[in-house]
C-alpha atoms as a PDB file:
ATOM      1  CA  MET A   1      -0.429 -27.799 -78.317  1.00  0.00           C
ATOM      2  CA  THR A   2       1.752 -24.709 -77.274  1.00  0.00           C
ATOM      3  CA  THR A   3       0.842 -21.629 -74.715  1.00  0.00           C
ATOM      4  CA  ASP A   4       3.969 -19.520 -76.135  1.00  0.00           C
ATOM      5  CA  PHE A   5       3.274 -16.174 -74.752  1.00  0.00           C
ATOM      6  CA  SER A   6       6.715 -14.443 -75.631  1.00  0.00           C
ATOM      7  CA  ASN A   7       4.952 -12.471 -78.379  1.00  0.00           C
ATOM      8  CA  LEU A   8       1.928 -11.267 -76.277  1.00  0.00           C
ATOM      9  CA  ASP A   9       2.800  -7.581 -75.570  1.00  0.00           C
ATOM     10  CA  GLU A  10       3.330  -7.052 -79.212  1.00  0.00           C
ATOM     11  CA  LYS A  11       0.205  -8.516 -80.127  1.00  0.00           C
ATOM     12  CA  ILE A  12      -1.553  -6.684 -77.718  1.00  0.00           C
ATOM     13  CA  ARG A  13      -0.373  -3.405 -79.101  1.00  0.00           C
ATOM     14  CA  GLY A  14      -1.417  -4.399 -82.281  1.00  0.00           C
ATOM     15  CA  ALA A  15      -4.971  -4.934 -80.918  1.00  0.00           C
ATOM     16  CA  VAL A  16      -4.626  -1.617 -78.951  1.00  0.00           C
ATOM     17  CA  GLN A  17      -3.498   0.310 -82.224  1.00  0.00           C
ATOM     18  CA  ALA A  18      -6.522  -1.091 -83.812  1.00  0.00           C
ATOM     19  CA  PHE A  19      -8.997   0.013 -81.078  1.00  0.00           C
ATOM     20  CA  TRP A  20      -8.244   3.500 -81.260  1.00  0.00           C
ATOM     21  CA  SER A  21      -7.782   3.831 -85.695  1.00  0.00           C
ATOM     22  CA  THR A  22     -11.337   1.486 -85.804  1.00  0.00           C
ATOM     23  CA  ARG A  23     -12.364   4.206 -82.824  1.00  0.00           C
ATOM     24  CA  ASP A  24     -11.294   7.311 -84.399  1.00  0.00           C
ATOM     25  CA  ALA A  25     -12.430   6.058 -88.242  1.00  0.00           C
ATOM     26  CA  GLN A  26     -16.318   5.713 -87.163  1.00  0.00           C
ATOM     27  CA  ALA A  27     -16.123   8.877 -85.173  1.00  0.00           C
ATOM     28  CA  ALA A  28     -15.367  10.995 -88.255  1.00  0.00           C
ATOM     29  CA  LYS A  29     -17.543   8.664 -90.092  1.00  0.00           C
ATOM     30  CA  GLN A  30     -20.169   9.594 -88.188  1.00  0.00           C
ATOM     31  CA  GLY A  31     -19.344  13.456 -87.598  1.00  0.00           C
ATOM     32  CA  SER A  32     -19.179  13.961 -91.534  1.00  0.00           C
ATOM     33  CA  ALA A  33     -22.562  11.813 -92.245  1.00  0.00           C
ATOM     34  CA  SER A  34     -24.280  13.721 -89.283  1.00  0.00           C
ATOM     35  CA  GLY A  35     -22.531  17.001 -89.397  1.00  0.00           C
ATOM     36  CA  VAL A  36     -22.484  16.498 -85.241  1.00  0.00           C
ATOM     37  CA  ARG A  37     -20.750  13.710 -83.198  1.00  0.00           C
ATOM     38  CA  ASP A  38     -22.372  12.364 -80.753  1.00  0.00           C
ATOM     39  CA  ALA A  39     -22.173  13.721 -77.104  1.00  0.00           C
ATOM     40  CA  GLY A  40     -19.789  12.011 -74.861  1.00  0.00           C
ATOM     41  CA  ALA A  41     -17.926  10.575 -77.787  1.00  0.00           C
ATOM     42  CA  ARG A  42     -20.738   7.940 -78.147  1.00  0.00           C
ATOM     43  CA  SER A  43     -19.648   7.800 -81.502  1.00  0.00           C
ATOM     44  CA  ALA A  44     -17.020   5.547 -80.451  1.00  0.00           C
ATOM     45  CA  VAL A  45     -19.265   3.506 -78.329  1.00  0.00           C
ATOM     46  CA  THR A  46     -22.188   2.635 -81.006  1.00  0.00           C
ATOM     47  CA  GLY A  47     -19.778   1.591 -84.210  1.00  0.00           C
ATOM     48  CA  GLY A  48     -19.488  -1.682 -81.932  1.00  0.00           C
ATOM     49  CA  ALA A  49     -15.808  -2.932 -83.998  1.00  0.00           C
ATOM     50  CA  GLN A  50     -13.493  -1.417 -81.982  1.00  0.00           C
ATOM     51  CA  MET A  51     -12.631  -4.480 -79.617  1.00  0.00           C
ATOM     52  CA  SER A  52     -11.915  -6.428 -82.791  1.00  0.00           C
ATOM     53  CA  GLY A  53      -8.283  -6.960 -82.701  1.00  0.00           C
ATOM     54  CA  PHE A  54      -8.709  -8.196 -78.830  1.00  0.00           C
ATOM     55  CA  VAL A  55     -11.273 -10.577 -80.208  1.00  0.00           C
ATOM     56  CA  HIS A  56      -9.263 -11.746 -82.740  1.00  0.00           C
ATOM     57  CA  LEU A  57      -6.113 -12.016 -80.678  1.00  0.00           C
ATOM     58  CA  VAL A  58      -8.129 -14.809 -78.208  1.00  0.00           C
ATOM     59  CA  ARG A  59      -9.746 -16.345 -81.272  1.00  0.00           C
ATOM     60  CA  ASP A  60      -6.087 -16.961 -82.557  1.00  0.00           C
ATOM     61  CA  PHE A  61      -4.656 -18.198 -79.311  1.00  0.00           C
ATOM     62  CA  LEU A  62      -7.584 -20.425 -79.176  1.00  0.00           C
ATOM     63  CA  HIS A  63      -7.332 -22.193 -82.305  1.00  0.00           C
ATOM     64  CA  SER A  64      -3.653 -22.521 -81.628  1.00  0.00           C
ATOM     65  CA  ASN A  65      -4.210 -24.232 -78.713  1.00  0.00           C
ATOM     66  CA  GLY A  66      -6.070 -27.069 -80.223  1.00  0.00           C
ATOM     67  CA  VAL A  67      -9.854 -25.336 -79.982  1.00  0.00           C
ATOM     68  CA  PRO A  68     -11.073 -26.061 -83.692  1.00  0.00           C
ATOM     69  CA  GLN A  69     -11.906 -23.050 -85.713  1.00  0.00           C
ATOM     70  CA  ALA A  70     -15.825 -23.866 -86.478  1.00  0.00           C
ATOM     71  CA  ALA A  71     -16.465 -23.636 -82.611  1.00  0.00           C
ATOM     72  CA  ILE A  72     -15.092 -20.382 -81.984  1.00  0.00           C
ATOM     73  CA  ARG A  73     -18.097 -18.043 -82.475  1.00  0.00           C
ATOM     74  CA  HIS A  74     -17.102 -13.871 -82.685  1.00  0.00           C
ATOM     75  CA  SER A  75     -18.963 -12.442 -85.896  1.00  0.00           C
ATOM     76  CA  GLU A  76     -22.500 -14.102 -86.269  1.00  0.00           C
ATOM     77  CA  ARG A  77     -25.090 -16.345 -84.034  1.00  0.00           C
ATOM     78  CA  MET A  78     -23.715 -14.984 -80.735  1.00  0.00           C
ATOM     79  CA  GLU A  79     -27.125 -15.464 -78.643  1.00  0.00           C
ATOM     80  CA  LEU A  80     -27.130 -17.209 -75.636  1.00  0.00           C
ATOM     81  CA  PRO A  81     -30.605 -18.307 -73.803  1.00  0.00           C
ATOM     82  CA  GLY A  82     -31.050 -15.958 -70.707  1.00  0.00           C
ATOM     83  CA  TRP A  83     -33.325 -16.426 -67.480  1.00  0.00           C
ATOM     84  CA  TYR A  84     -34.724 -12.914 -66.754  1.00  0.00           C
ATOM     85  CA  ARG A  85     -34.638 -12.262 -70.578  1.00  0.00           C
ATOM     86  CA  ALA A  86     -34.957 -14.543 -73.977  1.00  0.00           C
ATOM     87  CA  GLU A  87     -31.672 -14.276 -75.268  1.00  0.00           C
ATOM     88  CA  LYS A  88     -28.227 -12.013 -74.944  1.00  0.00           C
ATOM     89  CA  LYS A  89     -25.481 -11.346 -77.160  1.00  0.00           C
ATOM     90  CA  TRP A  90     -21.791 -12.526 -76.245  1.00  0.00           C
ATOM     91  CA  ASP A  91     -19.179 -10.786 -78.267  1.00  0.00           C
ATOM     92  CA  LEU A  92     -16.949 -14.225 -78.181  1.00  0.00           C
ATOM     93  CA  LEU A  93     -18.429 -17.998 -77.898  1.00  0.00           C
ATOM     94  CA  VAL A  94     -17.080 -21.200 -77.924  1.00  0.00           C
ATOM     95  CA  VAL A  95     -19.709 -23.636 -78.582  1.00  0.00           C
ATOM     96  CA  ALA A  96     -18.344 -27.510 -79.458  1.00  0.00           C
ATOM     97  CA  ASP A  97     -20.368 -30.628 -79.802  1.00  0.00           C
ATOM     98  CA  GLY A  98     -23.581 -28.920 -78.656  1.00  0.00           C
ATOM     99  CA  LYS A  99     -21.923 -27.711 -75.313  1.00  0.00           C
ATOM    100  CA  LEU A 100     -20.950 -24.262 -74.098  1.00  0.00           C
ATOM    101  CA  LEU A 101     -17.335 -24.307 -73.452  1.00  0.00           C
ATOM    102  CA  ALA A 102     -16.557 -20.296 -72.939  1.00  0.00           C
ATOM    103  CA  GLY A 103     -18.357 -17.223 -73.238  1.00  0.00           C
ATOM    104  CA  ILE A 104     -16.496 -13.789 -73.333  1.00  0.00           C
ATOM    105  CA  GLU A 105     -17.152 -10.004 -73.348  1.00  0.00           C
ATOM    106  CA  PHE A 106     -14.903  -7.484 -74.730  1.00  0.00           C
ATOM    107  CA  LYS A 107     -15.661  -3.615 -73.642  1.00  0.00           C
ATOM    108  CA  SER A 108     -13.718  -0.009 -73.707  1.00  0.00           C
ATOM    109  CA  GLN A 109     -14.845   3.107 -72.705  1.00  0.00           C
ATOM    110  CA  VAL A 110     -12.987   6.345 -73.595  1.00  0.00           C
ATOM    111  CA  GLY A 111     -13.756   9.437 -72.006  1.00  0.00           C
ATOM    112  CA  PRO A 112     -14.636  12.845 -71.676  1.00  0.00           C
ATOM    113  CA  SER A 113     -17.817  11.752 -70.008  1.00  0.00           C
ATOM    114  CA  PHE A 114     -17.069   8.739 -67.273  1.00  0.00           C
ATOM    115  CA  GLY A 115     -19.458   8.478 -65.063  1.00  0.00           C
ATOM    116  CA  ASN A 116     -22.650   7.252 -66.362  1.00  0.00           C
ATOM    117  CA  ASN A 117     -21.123   5.142 -68.970  1.00  0.00           C
ATOM    118  CA  PHE A 118     -19.119   3.251 -66.008  1.00  0.00           C
ATOM    119  CA  ASN A 119     -22.416   2.647 -63.944  1.00  0.00           C
ATOM    120  CA  ASN A 120     -23.699   1.533 -67.461  1.00  0.00           C
ATOM    121  CA  ARG A 121     -21.148  -1.201 -68.127  1.00  0.00           C
ATOM    122  CA  THR A 122     -21.270  -2.089 -64.157  1.00  0.00           C
ATOM    123  CA  GLU A 123     -24.774  -2.818 -64.589  1.00  0.00           C
ATOM    124  CA  GLU A 124     -24.290  -4.561 -67.766  1.00  0.00           C
ATOM    125  CA  ALA A 125     -21.676  -6.847 -66.587  1.00  0.00           C
ATOM    126  CA  ILE A 126     -23.594  -7.807 -63.737  1.00  0.00           C
ATOM    127  CA  GLY A 127     -26.676  -8.580 -65.618  1.00  0.00           C
ATOM    128  CA  SER A 128     -25.100 -10.363 -67.776  1.00  0.00           C
ATOM    129  CA  ALA A 129     -23.554 -12.968 -65.733  1.00  0.00           C
ATOM    130  CA  THR A 130     -26.162 -13.266 -63.215  1.00  0.00           C
ATOM    131  CA  ASP A 131     -28.503 -14.173 -66.076  1.00  0.00           C
ATOM    132  CA  LEU A 132     -26.327 -16.458 -68.061  1.00  0.00           C
ATOM    133  CA  TRP A 133     -25.654 -18.666 -64.851  1.00  0.00           C
ATOM    134  CA  ALA A 134     -29.577 -18.570 -63.573  1.00  0.00           C
ATOM    135  CA  ALA A 135     -30.171 -19.935 -67.519  1.00  0.00           C
ATOM    136  CA  PHE A 136     -27.175 -22.496 -66.691  1.00  0.00           C
ATOM    137  CA  ARG A 137     -28.848 -23.243 -63.003  1.00  0.00           C
ATOM    138  CA  GLU A 138     -32.278 -24.037 -65.022  1.00  0.00           C
ATOM    139  CA  GLY A 139     -30.540 -26.376 -67.260  1.00  0.00           C
ATOM    140  CA  ALA A 140     -30.759 -24.114 -70.629  1.00  0.00           C
ATOM    141  CA  PHE A 141     -27.398 -25.451 -71.928  1.00  0.00           C
ATOM    142  CA  LYS A 142     -27.591 -28.739 -71.265  1.00  0.00           C
ATOM    143  CA  PRO A 143     -25.631 -31.025 -71.680  1.00  0.00           C
ATOM    144  CA  SER A 144     -23.205 -28.347 -70.652  1.00  0.00           C
ATOM    145  CA  GLU A 145     -20.868 -28.690 -67.760  1.00  0.00           C
ATOM    146  CA  ARG A 146     -20.233 -25.145 -66.065  1.00  0.00           C
ATOM    147  CA  PRO A 147     -18.930 -22.567 -68.726  1.00  0.00           C
ATOM    148  CA  TRP A 148     -15.866 -20.681 -68.743  1.00  0.00           C
ATOM    149  CA  LEU A 149     -17.049 -17.139 -68.536  1.00  0.00           C
ATOM    150  CA  GLY A 150     -14.319 -13.928 -69.182  1.00  0.00           C
ATOM    151  CA  TYR A 151     -14.846  -9.937 -69.052  1.00  0.00           C
ATOM    152  CA  LEU A 152     -12.015  -7.783 -70.728  1.00  0.00           C
ATOM    153  CA  MET A 153     -12.297  -4.079 -70.347  1.00  0.00           C
ATOM    154  CA  MET A 154     -10.037  -1.577 -71.940  1.00  0.00           C
ATOM    155  CA  LEU A 155     -10.293   2.200 -70.538  1.00  0.00           C
ATOM    156  CA  GLU A 156      -9.132   5.072 -71.862  1.00  0.00           C
ATOM    157  CA  GLU A 157      -6.140   6.796 -69.353  1.00  0.00           C
ATOM    158  CA  SER A 158      -6.620  10.215 -68.664  1.00  0.00           C
ATOM    159  CA  ALA A 159      -6.557  12.646 -66.239  1.00  0.00           C
ATOM    160  CA  ALA A 160     -10.552  12.652 -66.194  1.00  0.00           C
ATOM    161  CA  SER A 161     -10.181   9.074 -65.284  1.00  0.00           C
ATOM    162  CA  ASN A 162      -7.490   9.156 -62.903  1.00  0.00           C
ATOM    163  CA  ARG A 163      -9.248  12.149 -61.007  1.00  0.00           C
ATOM    164  CA  PRO A 164     -10.898  11.144 -57.790  1.00  0.00           C
ATOM    165  CA  VAL A 165     -14.730  11.278 -57.414  1.00  0.00           C
ATOM    166  CA  ARG A 166     -16.795  12.068 -54.808  1.00  0.00           C
ATOM    167  CA  CYS A 167     -19.116   9.857 -53.409  1.00  0.00           C
ATOM    168  CA  TRP A 168     -22.961  10.753 -52.709  1.00  0.00           C
ATOM    169  CA  GLU A 169     -23.974   9.803 -49.351  1.00  0.00           C
ATOM    170  CA  PRO A 170     -27.236  11.134 -48.370  1.00  0.00           C
ATOM    171  CA  TYR A 171     -28.219   8.338 -46.045  1.00  0.00           C
ATOM    172  CA  PHE A 172     -25.697   5.652 -45.671  1.00  0.00           C
ATOM    173  CA  GLN A 173     -21.892   5.654 -46.373  1.00  0.00           C
ATOM    174  CA  VAL A 174     -20.206   4.217 -49.328  1.00  0.00           C
ATOM    175  CA  PHE A 175     -17.552   0.910 -48.543  1.00  0.00           C
ATOM    176  CA  LEU A 176     -14.121   2.677 -47.588  1.00  0.00           C
ATOM    177  CA  GLU A 177     -12.928   1.586 -51.200  1.00  0.00           C
ATOM    178  CA  PHE A 178     -14.949   3.767 -52.855  1.00  0.00           C
ATOM    179  CA  LYS A 179     -13.830   6.980 -51.279  1.00  0.00           C
ATOM    180  CA  THR A 180     -12.209   9.325 -53.668  1.00  0.00           C
ATOM    181  CA  ALA A 181     -11.529   6.270 -55.929  1.00  0.00           C
ATOM    182  CA  SER A 182     -11.081   7.415 -59.398  1.00  0.00           C
ATOM    183  CA  TYR A 183     -12.628   5.464 -62.399  1.00  0.00           C
ATOM    184  CA  VAL A 184      -9.329   3.507 -63.137  1.00  0.00           C
ATOM    185  CA  ARG A 185      -9.866   2.538 -59.089  1.00  0.00           C
ATOM    186  CA  ARG A 186     -13.207   2.005 -59.904  1.00  0.00           C
ATOM    187  CA  TYR A 187     -13.162  -0.441 -62.741  1.00  0.00           C
ATOM    188  CA  GLU A 188     -10.174  -2.225 -61.389  1.00  0.00           C
ATOM    189  CA  LEU A 189     -12.465  -2.832 -58.134  1.00  0.00           C
ATOM    190  CA  LEU A 190     -15.372  -3.847 -60.169  1.00  0.00           C
ATOM    191  CA  LEU A 191     -13.404  -6.477 -62.191  1.00  0.00           C
ATOM    192  CA  ILE A 192     -11.573  -7.751 -59.197  1.00  0.00           C
ATOM    193  CA  LYS A 193     -15.048  -8.412 -57.019  1.00  0.00           C
ATOM    194  CA  LEU A 194     -16.624  -9.687 -60.439  1.00  0.00           C
ATOM    195  CA  VAL A 195     -13.897 -12.827 -60.554  1.00  0.00           C
ATOM    196  CA  ARG A 196     -13.690 -13.379 -56.369  1.00  0.00           C
ATOM    197  CA  ASP A 197     -17.106 -13.693 -56.568  1.00  0.00           C
ATOM    198  CA  ARG A 198     -17.142 -16.055 -59.131  1.00  0.00           C
ATOM    199  CA  LEU A 199     -19.627 -14.264 -61.831  1.00  0.00           C
ATOM    200  CA  TYR A 200     -16.701 -14.565 -64.045  1.00  0.00           C
ATOM    201  CA  ASP A 201     -13.747 -16.571 -63.842  1.00  0.00           C
ATOM    202  CA  SER A 202     -10.865 -14.041 -65.325  1.00  0.00           C
ATOM    203  CA  ALA A 203     -11.301 -10.434 -66.204  1.00  0.00           C
ATOM    204  CA  CYS A 204      -8.190  -8.255 -67.736  1.00  0.00           C
ATOM    205  CA  PHE A 205      -8.036  -4.204 -67.266  1.00  0.00           C
ATOM    206  CA  LEU A 206      -5.813  -2.397 -69.530  1.00  0.00           C
ATOM    207  CA  LEU A 207      -5.365   1.283 -69.957  1.00  0.00           C
ATOM    208  CA  SER A 208      -4.247   3.049 -73.093  1.00  0.00           C
ATOM    209  CA  ASP A 209      -3.914   6.864 -73.632  1.00  0.00           C
ATOM    210  CA  ARG A 210      -5.258   8.505 -76.354  1.00  0.00           C
ATOM    211  CA  THR A 211      -1.588  10.069 -77.217  1.00  0.00           C
ATOM    212  CA  ASN A 212       0.859   7.398 -77.513  1.00  0.00           C
ATOM    213  CA  GLY A 213      -2.093   4.497 -77.871  1.00  0.00           C
ATOM    214  CA  PRO A 214      -3.008   5.191 -81.800  1.00  0.00           C
ATOM    215  CA  GLU A 215       0.694   5.449 -82.820  1.00  0.00           C
ATOM    216  CA  HIS A 216       2.850   2.950 -80.665  1.00  0.00           C
ATOM    217  CA  GLY A 217      -0.209   0.657 -78.911  1.00  0.00           C
ATOM    218  CA  THR A 218       0.887   1.538 -75.335  1.00  0.00           C
ATOM    219  CA  PHE A 219      -0.901   0.159 -73.002  1.00  0.00           C
ATOM    220  CA  LYS A 220      -0.684  -0.258 -69.113  1.00  0.00           C
ATOM    221  CA  GLU A 221      -1.569  -3.201 -66.783  1.00  0.00           C
ATOM    222  CA  PRO A 222      -2.489  -1.801 -63.443  1.00  0.00           C
ATOM    223  CA  ASN A 223      -3.495  -4.936 -61.403  1.00  0.00           C
ATOM    224  CA  PRO A 224      -1.307  -7.980 -61.688  1.00  0.00           C
ATOM    225  CA  GLU A 225      -4.646 -10.184 -61.370  1.00  0.00           C
ATOM    226  CA  LEU A 226      -6.140  -8.316 -63.894  1.00  0.00           C
ATOM    227  CA  THR A 227      -3.250  -8.931 -66.866  1.00  0.00           C
ATOM    228  CA  PHE A 228      -3.976 -10.501 -70.372  1.00  0.00           C
ATOM    229  CA  ASN A 229      -1.348 -12.945 -69.578  1.00  0.00           C
ATOM    230  CA  ASN A 230      -3.674 -14.488 -66.682  1.00  0.00           C
ATOM    231  CA  PHE A 231      -6.447 -14.068 -68.897  1.00  0.00           C
ATOM    232  CA  LEU A 232      -5.417 -16.037 -71.459  1.00  0.00           C
ATOM    233  CA  THR A 233      -3.793 -18.552 -69.160  1.00  0.00           C
ATOM    234  CA  SER A 234      -7.117 -18.963 -67.250  1.00  0.00           C
ATOM    235  CA  LEU A 235      -9.167 -19.601 -70.737  1.00  0.00           C
ATOM    236  CA  LEU A 236      -6.436 -21.815 -72.099  1.00  0.00           C
ATOM    237  CA  GLY A 237      -6.842 -23.880 -69.544  1.00  0.00           C
ATOM    238  CA  ARG A 238     -10.015 -24.725 -69.711  1.00  0.00           C
ATOM    239  CA  ALA A 239     -10.153 -25.151 -73.825  1.00  0.00           C
ATOM    240  CA  ILE A 240      -7.422 -27.193 -73.127  1.00  0.00           C
ATOM    241  CA  ALA A 241      -8.664 -29.455 -70.489  1.00  0.00           C
ATOM    242  CA  ILE A 242     -11.934 -29.476 -72.478  1.00  0.00           C
ATOM    243  CA  THR A 243      -9.761 -30.387 -75.544  1.00  0.00           C
ATOM    244  CA  LYS A 244      -8.033 -33.317 -74.134  1.00  0.00           C
ATOM    245  CA  SER A 245     -11.297 -34.909 -72.749  1.00  0.00           C
ATOM    246  CA  SER A 246     -13.417 -34.874 -76.197  1.00  0.00           C
END
């Protein structure tokens, strides 16, 4: 097995380019079909395939490091049971020998509207993990050991996403780190806290702007704790350990 990440940046750039091209194609198709594009670039959210480049990148790294192709699910049969709801679809699963090894969410957000979508993404990320861990506690995935959970987020870098956001404090003050924090910073805080509170085992946070992203696959990793390299290293460490023991 090998964990060679020497060309990882190139592969990430390819996934970033695929994100922008898929997003633009879906937005154009929906606009031409309906005559009106969804408000707040919702057409780029409802398509559902924008992050497939990242899904395939993670799939290929898992497979090249010894995880059987048949164990990696990313296009069908993606439901896992929950405790507070019957089931929830994940974006990538690793299921082998009747055991849940890993589950990953791949999410993105572009402007111009960041506020409501940020809150929705936050509630979704917390809720999905909380629901899965409750189901795990109640034995839904027996005989699985504790699975590995990951969360990858790509956010459009723009003036709006970097602009300080006002906090509303009619009765009580928000925590200091949120005061004047931009949406870039808020996502960074969210992902760090999700990992440190062990709701997810690892998270990745990427930024890309719509000027250089589509043509060059340009991206940034604003926090060294949330890099794609660290994300893959954590996942592969878990996957390789399980593969060796099976």
